[in-house]
Every structure is written in structure tokens, then in C-alpha cells.
C-alpha atoms as a PDB file:
ATOM      1  CA  UNK A   1    -127.806-147.680-177.442  1.00  0.00           C
ATOM      2  CA  UNK A   2    -129.421-145.010-179.045  1.00  0.00           C
ATOM      3  CA  UNK A   3    -127.987-143.246-182.879  1.00  0.00           C
ATOM      4  CA  UNK A   4    -126.307-140.390-182.747  1.00  0.00           C
ATOM      5  CA  UNK A   5    -128.049-137.763-185.267  1.00  0.00           C
ATOM      6  CA  UNK A   6    -126.215-134.578-184.800  1.00  0.00           C
ATOM      7  CA  UNK A   7    -122.514-135.804-186.203  1.00  0.00           C
ATOM      8  CA  UNK A   8    -119.969-133.656-188.361  1.00  0.00           C
ATOM      9  CA  UNK A   9    -120.787-134.589-191.895  1.00  0.00           C
ATOM     10  CA  UNK A  10    -119.242-132.951-195.078  1.00  0.00           C
ATOM     11  CA  UNK A  11    -120.573-131.981-198.521  1.00  0.00           C
ATOM     12  CA  UNK A  12    -118.607-130.944-201.679  1.00  0.00           C
ATOM     13  CA  UNK A  13    -118.607-127.787-202.912  1.00  0.00           C
ATOM     14  CA  UNK A  14    -116.377-127.947-206.079  1.00  0.00           C
ATOM     15  CA  UNK A  15    -117.361-129.276-209.522  1.00  0.00           C
ATOM     16  CA  UNK A  16    -115.143-132.405-210.270  1.00  0.00           C
ATOM     17  CA  UNK A  17    -117.020-135.235-211.901  1.00  0.00           C
ATOM     18  CA  UNK A  18    -118.590-137.681-210.180  1.00  0.00           C
ATOM     19  CA  UNK A  19    -118.286-140.692-210.401  1.00  0.00           C
ATOM     20  CA  UNK A  20    -114.654-140.659-211.176  1.00  0.00           C
ATOM     21  CA  UNK A  21    -110.882-140.797-209.946  1.00  0.00           C
ATOM     22  CA  UNK A  22    -110.249-137.032-210.286  1.00  0.00           C
ATOM     23  CA  UNK A  23    -110.107-135.535-206.570  1.00  0.00           C
ATOM     24  CA  UNK A  24    -111.498-132.010-206.876  1.00  0.00           C
ATOM     25  CA  UNK A  25    -111.760-129.872-210.155  1.00  0.00           C
ATOM     26  CA  UNK A  26    -109.136-128.048-212.011  1.00  0.00           C
ATOM     27  CA  UNK A  27    -107.068-125.161-210.401  1.00  0.00           C
ATOM     28  CA  UNK A  28    -105.289-123.581-212.708  1.00  0.00           C
ATOM     29  CA  UNK A  29    -106.949-119.870-213.489  1.00  0.00           C
ATOM     30  CA  UNK A  30    -109.374-117.939-210.789  1.00  0.00           C
ATOM     31  CA  UNK A  31    -112.367-119.874-209.602  1.00  0.00           C
ATOM     32  CA  UNK A  32    -114.946-116.880-208.857  1.00  0.00           C
ATOM     33  CA  UNK A  33    -118.054-116.506-207.030  1.00  0.00           C
ATOM     34  CA  UNK A  34    -119.362-119.605-205.923  1.00  0.00           C
ATOM     35  CA  UNK A  35    -123.209-119.407-204.503  1.00  0.00           C
ATOM     36  CA  UNK A  36    -122.874-122.084-201.573  1.00  0.00           C
ATOM     37  CA  UNK A  37    -126.565-123.196-201.200  1.00  0.00           C
ATOM     38  CA  UNK A  38    -127.536-124.935-197.839  1.00  0.00           C
ATOM     39  CA  UNK A  39    -128.163-128.180-198.468  1.00  0.00           C
ATOM     40  CA  UNK A  40    -130.724-130.333-196.319  1.00  0.00           C
ATOM     41  CA  UNK A  41    -130.234-131.141-192.842  1.00  0.00           C
ATOM     42  CA  UNK A  42    -127.898-128.636-192.665  1.00  0.00           C
ATOM     43  CA  UNK A  43    -128.380-125.894-189.566  1.00  0.00           C
ATOM     44  CA  UNK A  44    -124.676-125.334-188.952  1.00  0.00           C
ATOM     45  CA  UNK A  45    -121.532-124.727-190.890  1.00  0.00           C
ATOM     46  CA  UNK A  46    -118.495-125.718-188.528  1.00  0.00           C
ATOM     47  CA  UNK A  47    -116.045-125.235-191.094  1.00  0.00           C
ATOM     48  CA  UNK A  48    -114.930-125.198-194.819  1.00  0.00           C
ATOM     49  CA  UNK A  49    -112.175-127.322-195.867  1.00  0.00           C
ATOM     50  CA  UNK A  50    -109.861-126.551-198.651  1.00  0.00           C
ATOM     51  CA  UNK A  51    -107.334-129.331-200.451  1.00  0.00           C
ATOM     52  CA  UNK A  52    -105.134-128.958-202.963  1.00  0.00           C
ATOM     53  CA  UNK A  53    -102.713-130.723-205.445  1.00  0.00           C
ATOM     54  CA  UNK A  54    -100.810-130.188-208.088  1.00  0.00           C
ATOM     55  CA  UNK A  55     -98.289-131.962-210.788  1.00  0.00           C
ATOM     56  CA  UNK A  56     -94.292-130.984-210.460  1.00  0.00           C
ATOM     57  CA  UNK A  57     -91.853-130.525-213.308  1.00  0.00           C
ATOM     58  CA  UNK A  58     -88.245-129.758-213.271  1.00  0.00           C
ATOM     59  CA  UNK A  59     -87.570-129.646-209.469  1.00  0.00           C
ATOM     60  CA  UNK A  60     -88.727-130.625-206.202  1.00  0.00           C
ATOM     61  CA  UNK A  61     -92.011-127.778-205.075  1.00  0.00           C
ATOM     62  CA  UNK A  62     -91.794-126.729-201.247  1.00  0.00           C
ATOM     63  CA  UNK A  63     -95.259-126.699-199.899  1.00  0.00           C
ATOM     64  CA  UNK A  64     -95.017-122.755-199.342  1.00  0.00           C
ATOM     65  CA  UNK A  65     -95.031-122.855-203.375  1.00  0.00           C
ATOM     66  CA  UNK A  66     -98.050-125.201-203.590  1.00  0.00           C
ATOM     67  CA  UNK A  67     -99.894-123.051-200.499  1.00  0.00           C
ATOM     68  CA  UNK A  68     -99.306-119.916-202.593  1.00  0.00           C
ATOM     69  CA  UNK A  69    -101.288-121.006-205.565  1.00  0.00           C
ATOM     70  CA  UNK A  70    -104.127-120.167-203.722  1.00  0.00           C
ATOM     71  CA  UNK A  71    -104.335-116.359-203.191  1.00  0.00           C
ATOM     72  CA  UNK A  72    -106.674-115.635-201.412  1.00  0.00           C
ATOM     73  CA  UNK A  73    -109.085-117.717-200.173  1.00  0.00           C
ATOM     74  CA  UNK A  74    -112.538-116.538-199.322  1.00  0.00           C
ATOM     75  CA  UNK A  75    -115.804-117.286-197.826  1.00  0.00           C
ATOM     76  CA  UNK A  76    -119.144-114.837-197.898  1.00  0.00           C
ATOM     77  CA  UNK A  77    -121.861-114.568-195.350  1.00  0.00           C
ATOM     78  CA  UNK A  78    -123.456-111.460-196.831  1.00  0.00           C
ATOM     79  CA  UNK A  79    -120.135-109.987-195.972  1.00  0.00           C
ATOM     80  CA  UNK A  80    -116.552-111.178-196.587  1.00  0.00           C
ATOM     81  CA  UNK A  81    -115.968-113.230-193.442  1.00  0.00           C
ATOM     82  CA  UNK A  82    -112.601-115.105-194.200  1.00  0.00           C
ATOM     83  CA  UNK A  83    -110.266-113.928-196.944  1.00  0.00           C
ATOM     84  CA  UNK A  84    -106.417-114.373-196.677  1.00  0.00           C
ATOM     85  CA  UNK A  85    -103.585-116.313-198.480  1.00  0.00           C
ATOM     86  CA  UNK A  86    -104.544-120.126-198.042  1.00  0.00           C
ATOM     87  CA  UNK A  87    -100.793-120.669-196.333  1.00  0.00           C
ATOM     88  CA  UNK A  88    -102.282-118.154-193.726  1.00  0.00           C
ATOM     89  CA  UNK A  89    -105.125-120.318-192.992  1.00  0.00           C
ATOM     90  CA  UNK A  90    -103.015-123.017-193.075  1.00  0.00           C
ATOM     91  CA  UNK A  91    -101.284-122.038-190.316  1.00  0.00           C
ATOM     92  CA  UNK A  92    -104.734-120.965-188.528  1.00  0.00           C
ATOM     93  CA  UNK A  93    -106.093-124.644-189.138  1.00  0.00           C
ATOM     94  CA  UNK A  94    -102.722-125.613-187.196  1.00  0.00           C
ATOM     95  CA  UNK A  95    -103.373-123.578-184.203  1.00  0.00           C
ATOM     96  CA  UNK A  96    -106.920-123.399-183.884  1.00  0.00           C
ATOM     97  CA  UNK A  97    -107.386-126.734-184.393  1.00  0.00           C
ATOM     98  CA  UNK A  98    -104.384-128.381-182.554  1.00  0.00           C
ATOM     99  CA  UNK A  99    -103.606-130.539-185.967  1.00  0.00           C
ATOM    100  CA  UNK A 100    -101.203-129.632-189.047  1.00  0.00           C
ATOM    101  CA  UNK A 101    -103.096-130.683-192.569  1.00  0.00           C
ATOM    102  CA  UNK A 102    -101.591-133.684-194.031  1.00  0.00           C
ATOM    103  CA  UNK A 103     -99.146-132.643-197.048  1.00  0.00           C
ATOM    104  CA  UNK A 104     -97.235-134.404-199.227  1.00  0.00           C
ATOM    105  CA  UNK A 105     -93.932-132.373-200.695  1.00  0.00           C
ATOM    106  CA  UNK A 106     -93.383-133.838-204.610  1.00  0.00           C
ATOM    107  CA  UNK A 107     -90.406-134.390-206.716  1.00  0.00           C
ATOM    108  CA  UNK A 108     -89.999-134.629-209.673  1.00  0.00           C
ATOM    109  CA  UNK A 109     -89.697-138.730-209.558  1.00  0.00           C
ATOM    110  CA  UNK A 110     -93.216-138.733-207.697  1.00  0.00           C
ATOM    111  CA  UNK A 111     -94.639-136.162-209.683  1.00  0.00           C
ATOM    112  CA  UNK A 112     -97.537-134.435-207.172  1.00  0.00           C
ATOM    113  CA  UNK A 113     -97.569-132.529-204.510  1.00  0.00           C
ATOM    114  CA  UNK A 114    -100.366-131.842-202.162  1.00  0.00           C
ATOM    115  CA  UNK A 115    -102.043-130.614-198.964  1.00  0.00           C
ATOM    116  CA  UNK A 116    -105.442-132.176-197.670  1.00  0.00           C
ATOM    117  CA  UNK A 117    -107.722-130.747-194.848  1.00  0.00           C
ATOM    118  CA  UNK A 118    -106.983-126.974-194.534  1.00  0.00           C
ATOM    119  CA  UNK A 119    -109.943-126.247-191.641  1.00  0.00           C
ATOM    120  CA  UNK A 120    -110.873-122.889-191.599  1.00  0.00           C
ATOM    121  CA  UNK A 121    -113.384-122.005-188.672  1.00  0.00           C
ATOM    122  CA  UNK A 122    -116.690-120.664-189.731  1.00  0.00           C
ATOM    123  CA  UNK A 123    -119.183-121.953-186.688  1.00  0.00           C
ATOM    124  CA  UNK A 124    -122.483-120.649-188.660  1.00  0.00           C
ATOM    125  CA  UNK A 125    -125.889-121.043-187.838  1.00  0.00           C
ATOM    126  CA  UNK A 126    -127.697-121.096-191.679  1.00  0.00           C
ATOM    127  CA  UNK A 127    -130.162-118.116-192.174  1.00  0.00           C
ATOM    128  CA  UNK A 128    -132.677-118.185-194.846  1.00  0.00           C
ATOM    129  CA  UNK A 129    -132.232-114.006-195.223  1.00  0.00           C
ATOM    130  CA  UNK A 130    -128.060-114.577-195.410  1.00  0.00           C
ATOM    131  CA  UNK A 131    -126.259-115.155-198.977  1.00  0.00           C
ATOM    132  CA  UNK A 132    -123.356-117.788-199.039  1.00  0.00           C
ATOM    133  CA  UNK A 133    -120.742-117.901-201.427  1.00  0.00           C
ATOM    134  CA  UNK A 134    -116.710-118.835-201.868  1.00  0.00           C
ATOM    135  CA  UNK A 135    -114.001-118.017-204.275  1.00  0.00           C
ATOM    136  CA  UNK A 136    -110.610-118.624-204.366  1.00  0.00           C
ATOM    137  CA  UNK A 137    -107.865-116.856-206.838  1.00  0.00           C
ATOM    138  CA  UNK A 138    -105.234-118.300-208.488  1.00  0.00           C
ATOM    139  CA  UNK A 139    -101.417-117.636-208.616  1.00  0.00           C
ATOM    140  CA  UNK A 140     -99.149-119.402-210.726  1.00  0.00           C
ATOM    141  CA  UNK A 141     -96.403-121.758-208.754  1.00  0.00           C
ATOM    142  CA  UNK A 142     -93.104-121.999-209.750  1.00  0.00           C
ATOM    143  CA  UNK A 143     -92.517-126.096-211.366  1.00  0.00           C
ATOM    144  CA  UNK A 144     -96.249-126.578-210.892  1.00  0.00           C
ATOM    145  CA  UNK A 145     -98.740-126.889-213.478  1.00  0.00           C
ATOM    146  CA  UNK A 146    -102.176-128.938-213.881  1.00  0.00           C
ATOM    147  CA  UNK A 147    -103.086-127.598-210.316  1.00  0.00           C
ATOM    148  CA  UNK A 148    -106.796-129.125-208.343  1.00  0.00           C
ATOM    149  CA  UNK A 149    -108.639-127.816-205.505  1.00  0.00           C
ATOM    150  CA  UNK A 150    -111.154-129.376-203.825  1.00  0.00           C
ATOM    151  CA  UNK A 151    -113.619-127.466-201.445  1.00  0.00           C
ATOM    152  CA  UNK A 152    -115.815-128.850-198.665  1.00  0.00           C
ATOM    153  CA  UNK A 153    -118.237-127.633-196.160  1.00  0.00           C
ATOM    154  CA  UNK A 154    -118.440-129.560-192.682  1.00  0.00           C
ATOM    155  CA  UNK A 155    -121.831-129.441-191.272  1.00  0.00           C
ATOM    156  CA  UNK A 156    -124.214-130.235-188.515  1.00  0.00           C
ATOM    157  CA  UNK A 157    -127.763-130.644-188.864  1.00  0.00           C
ATOM    158  CA  UNK A 158    -128.119-129.177-185.038  1.00  0.00           C
ATOM    159  CA  UNK A 159    -126.426-125.874-184.150  1.00  0.00           C
ATOM    160  CA  UNK A 160    -124.917-125.024-180.997  1.00  0.00           C
ATOM    161  CA  UNK A 161    -124.652-121.863-178.853  1.00  0.00           C
ATOM    162  CA  UNK A 162    -121.797-120.083-180.375  1.00  0.00           C
ATOM    163  CA  UNK A 163    -121.466-117.486-182.368  1.00  0.00           C
ATOM    164  CA  UNK A 164    -120.080-117.120-185.790  1.00  0.00           C
ATOM    165  CA  UNK A 165    -116.286-116.720-186.766  1.00  0.00           C
ATOM    166  CA  UNK A 166    -115.140-114.016-188.321  1.00  0.00           C
ATOM    167  CA  UNK A 167    -111.637-114.341-189.123  1.00  0.00           C
ATOM    168  CA  UNK A 168    -110.561-111.353-191.639  1.00  0.00           C
ATOM    169  CA  UNK A 169    -106.516-110.070-192.887  1.00  0.00           C
ATOM    170  CA  UNK A 170    -105.315-107.047-191.253  1.00  0.00           C
ATOM    171  CA  UNK A 171    -102.541-105.976-193.076  1.00  0.00           C
ATOM    172  CA  UNK A 172     -99.238-103.858-192.416  1.00  0.00           C
ATOM    173  CA  UNK A 173     -96.378-102.410-193.196  1.00  0.00           C
ATOM    174  CA  UNK A 174     -93.587-101.133-189.993  1.00  0.00           C
ATOM    175  CA  UNK A 175     -92.550 -97.734-190.678  1.00  0.00           C
ATOM    176  CA  UNK A 176     -89.441 -95.814-191.280  1.00  0.00           C
ATOM    177  CA  UNK A 177     -88.258 -96.031-187.605  1.00  0.00           C
ATOM    178  CA  UNK A 178     -87.782 -99.350-185.554  1.00  0.00           C
ATOM    179  CA  UNK A 179     -89.797 -99.452-182.281  1.00  0.00           C
ATOM    180  CA  UNK A 180     -93.278 -99.200-180.859  1.00  0.00           C
ATOM    181  CA  UNK A 181     -96.308 -98.732-183.343  1.00  0.00           C
ATOM    182  CA  UNK A 182    -100.277 -99.128-183.021  1.00  0.00           C
ATOM    183  CA  UNK A 183    -101.655-101.099-185.859  1.00  0.00           C
ATOM    184  CA  UNK A 184    -105.008-100.038-184.904  1.00  0.00           C
ATOM    185  CA  UNK A 185    -106.345 -98.112-181.890  1.00  0.00           C
ATOM    186  CA  UNK A 186    -109.324-100.268-181.696  1.00  0.00           C
ATOM    187  CA  UNK A 187    -109.968-104.475-183.015  1.00  0.00           C
ATOM    188  CA  UNK A 188    -113.444-104.854-184.790  1.00  0.00           C
ATOM    189  CA  UNK A 189    -115.569-104.488-182.474  1.00  0.00           C
ATOM    190  CA  UNK A 190    -117.877-107.239-183.543  1.00  0.00           C
ATOM    191  CA  UNK A 191    -117.933-109.874-180.753  1.00  0.00           C
ATOM    192  CA  UNK A 192    -115.223-111.542-178.396  1.00  0.00           C
ATOM    193  CA  UNK A 193    -111.844-112.383-179.881  1.00  0.00           C
ATOM    194  CA  UNK A 194    -110.903-115.939-179.802  1.00  0.00           C
ATOM    195  CA  UNK A 195    -107.405-115.696-180.660  1.00  0.00           C
ATOM    196  CA  UNK A 196    -105.040-113.731-182.985  1.00  0.00           C
ATOM    197  CA  UNK A 197    -102.756-115.024-185.827  1.00  0.00           C
ATOM    198  CA  UNK A 198     -99.877-112.687-186.588  1.00  0.00           C
ATOM    199  CA  UNK A 199     -97.768-113.504-189.794  1.00  0.00           C
ATOM    200  CA  UNK A 200     -94.342-111.306-189.457  1.00  0.00           C
ATOM    201  CA  UNK A 201     -92.260-111.370-192.993  1.00  0.00           C
ATOM    202  CA  UNK A 202     -88.719-111.344-190.532  1.00  0.00           C
ATOM    203  CA  UNK A 203     -88.754-113.439-187.098  1.00  0.00           C
ATOM    204  CA  UNK A 204     -86.188-113.600-184.977  1.00  0.00           C
ATOM    205  CA  UNK A 205     -84.032-116.755-185.832  1.00  0.00           C
ATOM    206  CA  UNK A 206     -80.339-117.651-184.603  1.00  0.00           C
ATOM    207  CA  UNK A 207     -78.748-115.144-186.655  1.00  0.00           C
ATOM    208  CA  UNK A 208     -80.128-111.784-185.597  1.00  0.00           C
ATOM    209  CA  UNK A 209     -82.993-111.129-183.325  1.00  0.00           C
ATOM    210  CA  UNK A 210     -84.876-108.196-185.288  1.00  0.00           C
ATOM    211  CA  UNK A 211     -88.366-109.141-186.368  1.00  0.00           C
ATOM    212  CA  UNK A 212     -91.053-107.418-187.988  1.00  0.00           C
ATOM    213  CA  UNK A 213     -93.066-108.381-184.603  1.00  0.00           C
ATOM    214  CA  UNK A 214     -90.823-108.530-181.797  1.00  0.00           C
ATOM    215  CA  UNK A 215     -93.494-108.011-179.191  1.00  0.00           C
ATOM    216  CA  UNK A 216     -96.897-107.561-179.377  1.00  0.00           C
ATOM    217  CA  UNK A 217     -99.480-105.695-176.946  1.00  0.00           C
ATOM    218  CA  UNK A 218    -103.508-105.245-176.289  1.00  0.00           C
ATOM    219  CA  UNK A 219    -104.711-102.436-174.593  1.00  0.00           C
ATOM    220  CA  UNK A 220    -108.073-100.987-173.339  1.00  0.00           C
ATOM    221  CA  UNK A 221    -107.401 -97.405-172.492  1.00  0.00           C
ATOM    222  CA  UNK A 222    -106.953 -98.091-168.992  1.00  0.00           C
ATOM    223  CA  UNK A 223    -105.129-101.126-169.056  1.00  0.00           C
ATOM    224  CA  UNK A 224    -102.973-103.337-170.531  1.00  0.00           C
ATOM    225  CA  UNK A 225    -104.623-106.535-171.295  1.00  0.00           C
ATOM    226  CA  UNK A 226    -101.957-109.279-172.670  1.00  0.00           C
ATOM    227  CA  UNK A 227     -97.976-108.239-173.482  1.00  0.00           C
ATOM    228  CA  UNK A 228     -95.628-110.954-175.288  1.00  0.00           C
ATOM    229  CA  UNK A 229     -92.761-111.443-177.296  1.00  0.00           C
ATOM    230  CA  UNK A 230     -92.425-113.568-180.379  1.00  0.00           C
ATOM    231  CA  UNK A 231     -91.367-116.518-178.284  1.00  0.00           C
ATOM    232  CA  UNK A 232     -94.432-116.409-176.229  1.00  0.00           C
ATOM    233  CA  UNK A 233     -96.645-116.390-178.751  1.00  0.00           C
ATOM    234  CA  UNK A 234     -95.159-119.460-180.703  1.00  0.00           C
ATOM    235  CA  UNK A 235     -96.173-121.655-178.503  1.00  0.00           C
ATOM    236  CA  UNK A 236     -99.438-122.925-179.691  1.00  0.00           C
ATOM    237  CA  UNK A 237     -97.768-122.991-183.544  1.00  0.00           C
ATOM    238  CA  UNK A 238     -94.374-124.392-183.327  1.00  0.00           C
ATOM    239  CA  UNK A 239     -94.766-127.933-181.304  1.00  0.00           C
ATOM    240  CA  UNK A 240     -95.745-130.250-184.441  1.00  0.00           C
ATOM    241  CA  UNK A 241     -94.674-133.495-185.990  1.00  0.00           C
ATOM    242  CA  UNK A 242     -92.105-132.242-188.673  1.00  0.00           C
ATOM    243  CA  UNK A 243     -90.581-134.037-191.615  1.00  0.00           C
ATOM    244  CA  UNK A 244     -87.579-133.728-193.767  1.00  0.00           C
ATOM    245  CA  UNK A 245     -87.936-131.425-197.028  1.00  0.00           C
ATOM    246  CA  UNK A 246     -88.240-133.669-200.362  1.00  0.00           C
ATOM    247  CA  UNK A 247     -84.540-132.133-200.859  1.00  0.00           C
ATOM    248  CA  UNK A 248     -83.600-133.358-197.257  1.00  0.00           C
ATOM    249  CA  UNK A 249     -82.339-129.612-196.679  1.00  0.00           C
ATOM    250  CA  UNK A 250     -84.288-128.179-194.008  1.00  0.00           C
ATOM    251  CA  UNK A 251     -88.043-129.428-192.278  1.00  0.00           C
ATOM    252  CA  UNK A 252     -91.280-128.860-193.905  1.00  0.00           C
ATOM    253  CA  UNK A 253     -93.120-127.292-190.385  1.00  0.00           C
ATOM    254  CA  UNK A 254     -90.207-125.197-189.265  1.00  0.00           C
ATOM    255  CA  UNK A 255     -90.432-123.488-192.729  1.00  0.00           C
ATOM    256  CA  UNK A 256     -93.768-123.216-193.794  1.00  0.00           C
ATOM    257  CA  UNK A 257     -94.881-122.408-190.199  1.00  0.00           C
ATOM    258  CA  UNK A 258     -91.948-119.816-188.620  1.00  0.00           C
ATOM    259  CA  UNK A 259     -93.257-116.468-189.472  1.00  0.00           C
ATOM    260  CA  UNK A 260     -96.292-117.227-187.840  1.00  0.00           C
ATOM    261  CA  UNK A 261     -97.237-116.914-184.114  1.00  0.00           C
ATOM    262  CA  UNK A 262    -100.753-117.571-182.517  1.00  0.00           C
ATOM    263  CA  UNK A 263    -102.195-116.057-178.809  1.00  0.00           C
ATOM    264  CA  UNK A 264    -105.414-119.007-178.012  1.00  0.00           C
ATOM    265  CA  UNK A 265    -108.338-116.989-176.069  1.00  0.00           C
ATOM    266  CA  UNK A 266    -110.299-120.213-176.580  1.00  0.00           C
ATOM    267  CA  UNK A 267    -111.070-120.341-172.639  1.00  0.00           C
ATOM    268  CA  UNK A 268    -111.529-116.570-171.923  1.00  0.00           C
ATOM    269  CA  UNK A 269    -112.441-114.392-175.081  1.00  0.00           C
ATOM    270  CA  UNK A 270    -111.608-110.664-174.635  1.00  0.00           C
ATOM    271  CA  UNK A 271    -115.003-108.325-175.322  1.00  0.00           C
ATOM    272  CA  UNK A 272    -114.024-106.101-178.093  1.00  0.00           C
ATOM    273  CA  UNK A 273    -117.794-104.558-178.198  1.00  0.00           C
ATOM    274  CA  UNK A 274    -117.477-103.652-174.390  1.00  0.00           C
ATOM    275  CA  UNK A 275    -114.097-102.676-174.435  1.00  0.00           C
ATOM    276  CA  UNK A 276    -111.941-100.563-176.858  1.00  0.00           C
ATOM    277  CA  UNK A 277    -108.968-102.778-177.426  1.00  0.00           C
ATOM    278  CA  UNK A 278    -106.027-101.817-179.409  1.00  0.00           C
ATOM    279  CA  UNK A 279    -103.244-103.628-180.936  1.00  0.00           C
ATOM    280  CA  UNK A 280     -99.584-102.029-180.567  1.00  0.00           C
ATOM    281  CA  UNK A 281     -96.307-103.852-181.941  1.00  0.00           C
ATOM    282  CA  UNK A 282     -92.808-103.776-181.484  1.00  0.00           C
ATOM    283  CA  UNK A 283     -91.138-103.521-185.261  1.00  0.00           C
ATOM    284  CA  UNK A 284     -87.700-103.929-185.001  1.00  0.00           C
ATOM    285  CA  UNK A 285     -87.561-104.489-188.810  1.00  0.00           C
ATOM    286  CA  UNK A 286     -88.470-101.206-191.005  1.00  0.00           C
ATOM    287  CA  UNK A 287     -90.860-101.141-194.045  1.00  0.00           C
ATOM    288  CA  UNK A 288     -91.788-104.637-193.362  1.00  0.00           C
ATOM    289  CA  UNK A 289     -94.918-106.542-193.863  1.00  0.00           C
ATOM    290  CA  UNK A 290     -97.119-108.336-191.297  1.00  0.00           C
ATOM    291  CA  UNK A 291    -100.572-109.654-190.820  1.00  0.00           C
ATOM    292  CA  UNK A 292    -103.133-109.843-188.361  1.00  0.00           C
ATOM    293  CA  UNK A 293    -106.008-111.764-187.841  1.00  0.00           C
ATOM    294  CA  UNK A 294    -108.515-111.586-184.726  1.00  0.00           C
ATOM    295  CA  UNK A 295    -110.408-114.471-184.412  1.00  0.00           C
ATOM    296  CA  UNK A 296    -113.527-112.996-183.538  1.00  0.00           C
ATOM    297  CA  UNK A 297    -117.123-115.000-182.662  1.00  0.00           C
ATOM    298  CA  UNK A 298    -119.693-113.092-183.265  1.00  0.00           C
ATOM    299  CA  UNK A 299    -123.161-113.009-181.779  1.00  0.00           C
ATOM    300  CA  UNK A 300    -126.012-114.909-184.437  1.00  0.00           C
END
């Protein structure tokens, strides 16, 4: 049988001592810009992968708290291509790859909490003319200390015929009156949109229907491309195996992912270059925060 050469491989980007038992480098302060020099045989970076670990003190720690210690995580290819809270990219990893990253919620007795394998898609062909880097901003988490971060690049030695992924945040605050409001008249005219991740600070639940983003619309000047209720947008992000929290009161994935929705456009992307596509929402919670991440495949 002929050996397959173009298999996915990974390379460690963080600076832990090797050999050694440590699973990453200290993350108790900001990690400033780190240049990523392409290695031998690296023609295509499929994704960048982030893991976190921290020591628990005083009380049990929720996964959201651990994820909140990295805000933002940023990847740069000449310009920032990926930048946002790591919790947002945990949700993107779950929706984009149809697989929830592994995690362990720690209690005081169990000493540590961790999350492994947050994959952020890059789809990037290496170019000698570009400079690549990453950085991670540290934010202290309650009942956490001795943070550790591990960052890897996942690569191939031959590049498929794809564009690169641009997944930057569009922040938004809803107005003082509920109703229809335009977030932006034109999504970035960079390429084809392959997905749209939404974070809403308040979501419809058993107690109230009013949410930050009750409905979402994508429109061109001549037609409506898409209209979706919050429940519709939850389809690609809500069906993952769940676990009881360390404090046994609720379920982990429900709490971590309940503020997120995803529209999967992988099979038939929306051409943002040929069309002016406006993003509009029905905001039923006033003066509230939302974040939108158009997942755009940019020609390269």
C-alpha cells in the first residue's frame, strides 16, 4: 500500500520546556506578539489549536470562567484574521468542526480544570511575503491560579484549493428601543461567507422570550437571502453531549453554549464580493451586547 504523505501534522508554538511533564507554558500574564515562522514542509495551516489549564482554589470553577482567562486570542497574517474571546472560538470550534472540545471542570478536591483542542480554522496557504503571529491577552479568573496555555499549529505539506478563513468579530450594542435594527449595511466584501457565529448576551429561555437577537436577517438590495429565529440558528450548536457540572447544579455545554447560535453555510456560501449583504436583527432586549463573526473564505 502506498504511504499517504499529506496527513495532518501539528507543531507546538508555545514555549514549554521539552522534554518535561508540563502541558504548556505559564499563562498568568499577557503573551505579547509571537512570530510564527513556517517550518519545513508546512505548505498549509489548517487551524490553530488552543488549550488551557489552571489550578483551582476555594471553590469549583465553571468552564466559562476558565475560557474567560483568555480574552482576546488573536492570530495575524499581516492583518488580524482571528481576534475575539476564547469562549467565542470554543463555540466556533464546536459548530464548525461538529465536535465539542474536551474539558474538565475542577473542584477544590480535584485541583485543576482544563479545556483541550479548541480548533480555530485558518485554511491558510503559506506565503513568503506575509508575516504570521499570535498573541493572547490574560484576564484573571475567580478561584483560578497558575494558568497554563498550549498553542499548536495544525498543518499539511500540500495545500488544497481553498481560500483562507477570516473570522473577525463585529461587536454590537442594541439600541434603547426594541425592534428591527441593522447591524451593518455591508458584511466585509472579502469572499464567500461559510458560516455566521452569533453571541447574544440575553437569550430566550423558559422564563422570557425577549432576547438580544430574537431573529436574524441577511439581505441584498433586491432580495432577502435568509431569515432565522434564534431557535433555528441553534440547530448547529445545541446537539452535543452534555455533562453535569462539577457543582452538580446544571449542565456544562448548555451553560457554555447557550448564548451562541450558528448558521452553517459550508455547502453553499454567500458571495460577499458580488453582493452587498446587510445584517439585520430583531433585538428584543435593549442596550444589550451581541457579537457576530462572519466566517469568510477569502481567495488566496
